[in-house]
Protein backbone atom coordinates (compact mmCIF):
# COMPACT_ATOMS: atom_id res chain seq x y z
CA UNK A 1 81.78 106.11 72.70
CA UNK A 2 83.70 103.27 74.38
CA UNK A 3 82.12 102.08 77.63
CA UNK A 4 84.54 102.26 80.54
CA UNK A 5 84.51 102.52 84.32
CA UNK A 6 84.61 105.84 86.10
CA UNK A 7 87.97 107.16 87.27
CA UNK A 8 89.34 105.08 90.14
CA UNK A 9 90.63 106.53 93.37
CA UNK A 10 94.12 105.55 94.53
CA UNK A 11 92.57 103.42 97.31
CA UNK A 12 90.28 101.58 94.86
CA UNK A 13 93.17 100.91 92.51
CA UNK A 14 95.30 99.51 95.33
CA UNK A 15 92.48 97.21 96.47
CA UNK A 16 91.90 95.92 92.92
CA UNK A 17 95.62 95.27 92.57
CA UNK A 18 95.67 93.27 95.83
CA UNK A 19 92.74 91.16 94.65
CA UNK A 20 94.53 90.36 91.38
CA UNK A 21 97.74 89.47 93.22
CA UNK A 22 96.33 87.57 96.19
CA UNK A 23 92.56 87.10 95.68
CA UNK A 24 91.11 83.65 96.39
CA UNK A 25 87.51 84.13 95.23
CA UNK A 26 87.26 83.43 91.48
CA UNK A 27 84.26 85.72 90.89
CA UNK A 28 85.82 88.61 92.80
CA UNK A 29 89.10 88.07 90.90
CA UNK A 30 87.44 88.20 87.46
CA UNK A 31 85.35 91.26 88.28
CA UNK A 32 88.39 93.08 89.65
CA UNK A 33 90.33 92.15 86.51
CA UNK A 34 87.57 93.57 84.29
CA UNK A 35 87.29 96.81 86.28
CA UNK A 36 91.05 97.41 86.35
CA UNK A 37 91.44 96.64 82.63
CA UNK A 38 88.62 99.04 81.79
CA UNK A 39 90.17 101.75 83.98
CA UNK A 40 93.41 101.30 82.04
CA UNK A 41 91.62 102.12 78.79
CA UNK A 42 90.82 98.70 77.33
CA UNK A 43 87.51 98.36 75.48
CA UNK A 44 85.04 95.53 76.29
CA UNK A 45 86.10 93.50 73.20
CA UNK A 46 89.76 93.63 74.29
CA UNK A 47 88.88 92.88 77.91
CA UNK A 48 87.00 89.78 76.75
CA UNK A 49 90.31 88.48 75.37
CA UNK A 50 92.09 89.23 78.65
CA UNK A 51 89.46 87.88 81.05
CA UNK A 52 88.04 85.17 78.74
CA UNK A 53 84.49 86.38 79.42
CA UNK A 54 81.67 87.49 77.11
CA UNK A 55 81.45 91.14 76.08
CA UNK A 56 77.88 91.35 77.45
CA UNK A 57 79.04 90.21 80.90
CA UNK A 58 81.95 92.67 80.81
CA UNK A 59 79.58 95.54 80.03
CA UNK A 60 77.31 94.46 82.90
CA UNK A 61 80.27 94.47 85.30
CA UNK A 62 81.40 97.94 84.15
CA UNK A 63 77.89 99.40 84.51
CA UNK A 64 77.47 97.74 87.92
CA UNK A 65 80.79 99.18 89.15
CA UNK A 66 79.86 102.66 87.96
CA UNK A 67 76.58 102.39 89.90
CA UNK A 68 77.58 100.50 93.06
CA UNK A 69 81.37 100.87 93.32
CA UNK A 70 83.60 98.27 95.00
CA UNK A 71 80.61 96.52 96.61
CA UNK A 72 79.75 94.83 93.31
CA UNK A 73 82.97 92.79 93.35
CA UNK A 74 81.48 90.38 95.90
CA UNK A 75 79.23 87.58 94.58
CA UNK A 76 75.63 87.94 95.66
CA UNK A 77 73.89 85.30 97.72
CA UNK A 78 70.40 84.96 99.18
CA UNK A 79 70.13 84.44 102.94
CA UNK A 80 66.39 83.68 102.77
CA UNK A 81 63.45 85.80 103.85
CA UNK A 82 64.74 88.88 105.75
CA UNK A 83 63.43 89.73 109.21
CA UNK A 84 61.38 92.87 109.63
CA UNK A 85 63.96 95.28 110.99
CA UNK A 86 63.33 98.93 110.24
CA UNK A 87 65.92 101.16 108.59
CA UNK A 88 66.36 102.95 111.92
CA UNK A 89 67.13 99.66 113.66
CA UNK A 90 69.58 98.63 110.96
CA UNK A 91 71.37 101.98 111.17
CA UNK A 92 71.54 101.72 114.96
CA UNK A 93 73.10 98.24 114.70
CA UNK A 94 75.68 99.48 112.19
CA UNK A 95 76.50 102.52 114.35
CA UNK A 96 76.99 100.24 117.35
CA UNK A 97 79.36 98.00 115.38
CA UNK A 98 81.39 101.02 114.25
CA UNK A 99 81.71 102.42 117.77
CA UNK A 100 84.55 101.63 120.19
CA UNK A 101 83.46 99.42 123.11
CA UNK A 102 85.67 101.35 125.55
CA UNK A 103 83.90 104.60 124.63
CA UNK A 104 80.68 102.95 125.82
CA UNK A 105 82.23 101.96 129.15
CA UNK A 106 82.64 98.29 128.22
CA UNK A 107 85.62 96.25 129.47
CA UNK A 108 86.88 95.05 126.09
CA UNK A 109 88.60 96.67 123.11
CA UNK A 110 86.81 95.12 120.13
CA UNK A 111 83.44 93.73 119.11
CA UNK A 112 82.52 90.16 118.32
CA UNK A 113 79.13 89.17 116.91
CA UNK A 114 78.07 87.71 120.25
CA UNK A 115 79.04 90.90 122.10
CA UNK A 116 77.28 93.07 119.52
CA UNK A 117 74.14 90.96 119.77
CA UNK A 118 74.19 91.13 123.58
CA UNK A 119 74.63 94.91 123.65
CA UNK A 120 72.06 95.51 120.88
CA UNK A 121 69.41 93.73 122.95
CA UNK A 122 70.57 95.25 126.26
CA UNK A 123 70.40 98.79 124.83
CA UNK A 124 66.95 98.23 123.34
CA UNK A 125 68.00 98.57 119.71
CA UNK A 126 66.13 95.35 118.84
CA UNK A 127 64.05 92.89 120.84
CA UNK A 128 66.04 89.92 119.54
CA UNK A 129 68.38 89.09 116.67
CA UNK A 130 70.57 86.13 115.76
CA UNK A 131 74.30 86.53 115.26
CA UNK A 132 73.94 85.45 111.62
CA UNK A 133 71.33 88.09 110.85
CA UNK A 134 73.45 90.69 112.58
CA UNK A 135 76.34 89.69 110.32
CA UNK A 136 74.08 89.92 107.23
CA UNK A 137 72.89 93.42 108.16
CA UNK A 138 76.47 94.60 108.65
CA UNK A 139 77.54 92.99 105.36
CA UNK A 140 74.71 94.71 103.47
CA UNK A 141 75.97 98.04 104.83
CA UNK A 142 79.54 97.17 103.76
CA UNK A 143 80.78 96.67 107.32
CA UNK A 144 83.03 93.67 107.98
CA UNK A 145 85.42 92.43 110.66
CA UNK A 146 88.96 93.41 109.56
CA UNK A 147 92.45 93.70 110.90
CA UNK A 148 93.66 97.23 111.63
CA UNK A 149 96.38 98.16 109.17
CA UNK A 150 98.43 101.00 107.83
CA UNK A 151 97.46 102.68 104.57
CA UNK A 152 99.38 104.38 101.82
CA UNK A 153 98.21 107.32 99.76
CA UNK A 154 100.18 108.71 96.88
CA UNK A 155 102.46 111.54 98.05
CA UNK A 156 103.42 112.24 94.44
CA UNK A 157 102.72 115.93 93.68
CA UNK A 158 102.39 115.05 89.97
CA UNK A 159 99.89 112.24 90.48
CA UNK A 160 97.13 113.78 88.31
CA UNK A 161 99.54 114.79 85.55
CA UNK A 162 101.06 111.30 85.41
CA UNK A 163 97.60 109.71 85.33
CA UNK A 164 96.61 111.93 82.38
CA UNK A 165 99.79 111.06 80.46
CA UNK A 166 99.22 107.33 80.86
CA UNK A 167 95.54 107.71 80.00
CA UNK A 168 96.35 109.57 76.78
CA UNK A 169 98.83 106.87 75.77
CA UNK A 170 96.51 103.93 76.40
CA UNK A 171 93.48 105.61 74.83
CA UNK A 172 95.02 106.51 71.45
CA UNK A 173 93.04 104.64 68.78
CA UNK A 174 94.17 106.13 65.46
CA UNK A 175 97.75 105.46 64.34
CA UNK A 176 98.59 104.29 67.87
CA UNK A 177 102.21 104.60 68.98
CA UNK A 178 104.17 101.64 70.34
CA UNK A 179 103.01 101.61 73.96
CA UNK A 180 104.61 99.01 76.23
CA UNK A 181 103.90 98.27 79.88
CA UNK A 182 106.54 96.50 81.99
CA UNK A 183 106.82 95.16 85.53
CA UNK A 184 108.24 92.29 87.59
CA UNK A 185 106.35 89.33 89.02
CA UNK A 186 107.91 87.91 92.14
CA UNK A 187 109.62 86.83 94.16
CA UNK A 188 108.62 83.36 92.88
CA UNK A 189 109.86 80.43 94.93
CA UNK A 190 111.67 77.67 93.05
CA UNK A 191 109.69 74.89 94.73
CA UNK A 192 106.90 72.52 93.63
CA UNK A 193 103.56 74.35 93.50
CA UNK A 194 100.21 72.76 94.30
CA UNK A 195 96.95 73.63 92.59
CA UNK A 196 93.69 72.20 91.27
CA UNK A 197 92.70 70.25 88.16
CA UNK A 198 90.59 67.41 86.76
CA UNK A 199 91.77 63.92 87.76
CA UNK A 200 90.32 60.42 88.17
CA UNK A 201 88.24 60.07 91.36
CA UNK A 202 90.49 59.91 94.46
CA UNK A 203 93.61 59.89 92.26
CA UNK A 204 94.80 63.50 92.03
CA UNK A 205 98.18 64.46 90.65
CA UNK A 206 100.96 64.65 93.22
CA UNK A 207 103.94 66.84 93.86
CA UNK A 208 106.93 65.73 95.96
CA UNK A 209 106.93 66.65 99.63
CA UNK A 210 110.74 66.67 99.59
CA UNK A 211 112.77 68.43 96.94
CA UNK A 212 116.20 69.86 96.31
CA UNK A 213 116.21 73.63 96.27
CA UNK A 214 118.79 74.91 93.78
CA UNK A 215 118.43 78.53 94.89
CA UNK A 216 115.89 80.78 96.53
CA UNK A 217 113.61 82.88 94.36
CA UNK A 218 113.34 84.28 90.84
CA UNK A 219 111.60 87.22 89.21
CA UNK A 220 109.71 87.21 85.93
CA UNK A 221 110.19 90.45 83.99
CA UNK A 222 107.05 90.97 81.92
CA UNK A 223 106.08 93.37 79.11
CA UNK A 224 102.68 93.97 77.50
CA UNK A 225 102.17 95.57 74.09
CA UNK A 226 99.10 97.59 75.07
CA UNK A 227 97.43 97.84 71.67
CA UNK A 228 98.28 94.38 70.31
CA UNK A 229 97.71 92.69 73.70
CA UNK A 230 100.85 90.58 73.39
CA UNK A 231 102.93 89.49 76.36
CA UNK A 232 106.55 88.44 76.57
CA UNK A 233 109.11 88.20 79.35
CA UNK A 234 112.25 86.66 80.83
CA UNK A 235 113.29 85.12 84.14
CA UNK A 236 116.02 86.69 86.31
CA UNK A 237 117.51 85.72 89.65
CA UNK A 238 117.21 89.26 91.08
CA UNK A 239 115.43 92.48 90.12
CA UNK A 240 118.63 94.54 90.27
CA UNK A 241 118.83 97.54 87.94
CA UNK A 242 121.57 95.76 85.93
CA UNK A 243 119.12 92.96 85.12
CA UNK A 244 116.36 95.45 84.41
CA UNK A 245 118.55 97.30 81.91
CA UNK A 246 119.52 94.00 80.28
CA UNK A 247 115.83 93.16 79.93
CA UNK A 248 115.01 96.59 78.45
CA UNK A 249 117.68 96.08 75.82
CA UNK A 250 115.96 92.83 74.85
CA UNK A 251 112.62 94.67 74.65
CA UNK A 252 114.16 97.42 72.52
CA UNK A 253 115.63 94.85 70.10
CA UNK A 254 112.15 93.56 69.25
CA UNK A 255 111.25 96.81 67.45
CA UNK A 256 112.88 98.78 64.60
CA UNK A 257 115.70 100.97 65.97
CA UNK A 258 114.32 104.11 64.30
CA UNK A 259 110.91 103.83 65.97
CA UNK A 260 110.10 105.49 69.29
CA UNK A 261 108.87 103.28 72.14
CA UNK A 262 106.68 104.53 74.99
CA UNK A 263 107.28 102.49 78.14
CA UNK A 264 104.97 102.59 81.18
CA UNK A 265 106.38 101.26 84.46
CA UNK A 266 106.08 101.83 88.17
CA UNK A 267 108.45 104.07 90.11
CA UNK A 268 110.52 101.31 91.74
CA UNK A 269 114.09 102.35 92.56
CA UNK A 270 115.62 99.76 90.21
CA UNK A 271 113.71 101.17 87.22
CA UNK A 272 114.80 104.79 87.07
CA UNK A 273 118.55 104.82 87.62
CA UNK A 274 120.67 107.41 85.84
CA UNK A 275 122.20 104.69 83.65
CA UNK A 276 118.78 103.44 82.55
CA UNK A 277 117.51 106.95 81.79
CA UNK A 278 120.63 107.73 79.75
CA UNK A 279 120.22 104.48 77.80
CA UNK A 280 116.54 105.30 77.15
CA UNK A 281 117.37 108.75 75.75
CA UNK A 282 120.02 107.27 73.47
CA UNK A 283 117.73 104.52 72.17
CA UNK A 284 114.45 106.33 71.49
CA UNK A 285 112.59 105.06 74.55
CA UNK A 286 110.24 107.43 76.37
CA UNK A 287 109.69 106.55 80.03
CA UNK A 288 106.34 107.09 81.77
CA UNK A 289 106.41 106.24 85.49
CA UNK A 290 103.18 105.64 87.39
CA UNK A 291 102.60 107.85 90.45
CA UNK A 292 104.10 106.69 93.75
CA UNK A 293 101.94 103.97 95.38
CA UNK A 294 99.74 103.82 92.25
CA UNK A 295 101.25 100.97 90.25
CA UNK A 296 97.70 99.76 89.46
CA UNK A 297 97.76 102.33 86.64
CA UNK A 298 100.31 100.12 84.87
CA UNK A 299 98.29 98.12 82.25
CA UNK A 300 100.36 94.95 82.68
CA UNK A 301 99.14 94.63 86.29
CA UNK A 302 95.83 93.07 85.21
CA UNK A 303 97.79 90.14 83.71
CA UNK A 304 100.24 89.50 86.55
CA UNK A 305 97.93 87.49 88.80
CA UNK A 306 96.56 85.44 85.89
CA UNK A 307 100.03 84.40 84.75
CA UNK A 308 100.99 83.05 88.16
CA UNK A 309 97.75 81.06 88.42
CA UNK A 310 98.12 79.70 84.88
CA UNK A 311 101.81 78.83 84.98
CA UNK A 312 102.74 77.73 88.52
CA UNK A 313 100.12 75.22 89.83
CA UNK A 314 101.26 71.62 89.41
CA UNK A 315 104.84 72.53 88.53
CA UNK A 316 107.57 70.44 90.15
C-alpha cells in the first residue's frame, strides 16, 4: 500500500498552497510541498523527484503530518531548559492570550507580550514569567500573533464528488490514462529579479537599479503530465480565455488525436467558457475542474512556487 497523507481539509489545502506560492522559510516550503504532493496522489519515490529529497525523509514528513497535522511544517528549535510551569498554568496563559482585553475590562483592543505578561502576573496565573517564555508557551500551543483576515470556504455543492473524481484520476496505476494538470503562474513582472547565489566574497552579482520596462506583466501557462511528471508551458501577455484556448490547442497537439486526454484545472472564469467546452468535446478532452476555492487539489500547484524560485532570481 502506498504511503500517503490523510485527506486534507479545504483550509489546510489553502494554507499549503499559500506557503508554496509565498513561503519564505525553506524547511516549511519543502515540507508543505511534500504534503501537498502526497495529498495529490504522488508516491514517495515520485515526490523525491519533485522535491529533490530522499524517500526516507519524505516518508518521515508524511508520517509526522498524519500524527501532528500542520504544526509539523515549522522547523523545531530548542529554547533551552524549560521553566517549571504546570499544565494548568500553561492553559491559563493560553486562555488569557485568546481572550479579548475589552471583555476583561481593559482599555485596549489587543494583546502584546508585555501586556499579557503584566496581566498574567497581576491575575495570579504565575508568579513571574519573561516575555520570551510566554511567547514559547503560546507557540507550543499553536497560538501566534496574526492579522485578522477574511476566510474562504468552498461553497461548491459538488466539492466531495469533484475531489473523488480527481483522486481516482491521479491514483490510477495500471494502464494509466493521459492525465494532465494545467494552471497559470502570474502575474509575473517583466523587471530584473534579485535572489541569492554563490559569489566571490563581497562581490555578489548585480542587477540594474534602472531598466526600461517594455510592458507590464506576463503569465506562464503550465501543464504537468501527472504520471510521467513532465512539465511544459508557454508565456502569454494576458490570461484571457482566447489565450487559454490557444494554449490548450498546443497541449492537445502534443498527443495523438485519437487518444482521450483528461485535463484537471481550477474553476477560473477564463477556463470554462462555452467556446472552450465545445472545443474540448470536439477534440477528445475531458475537463475536470477543482472545487471552488480548492485549487490546491490541482497537481501542478506543487510545482508553481518552485518554478518561480528556480527561473526568476538573477534575471535581468
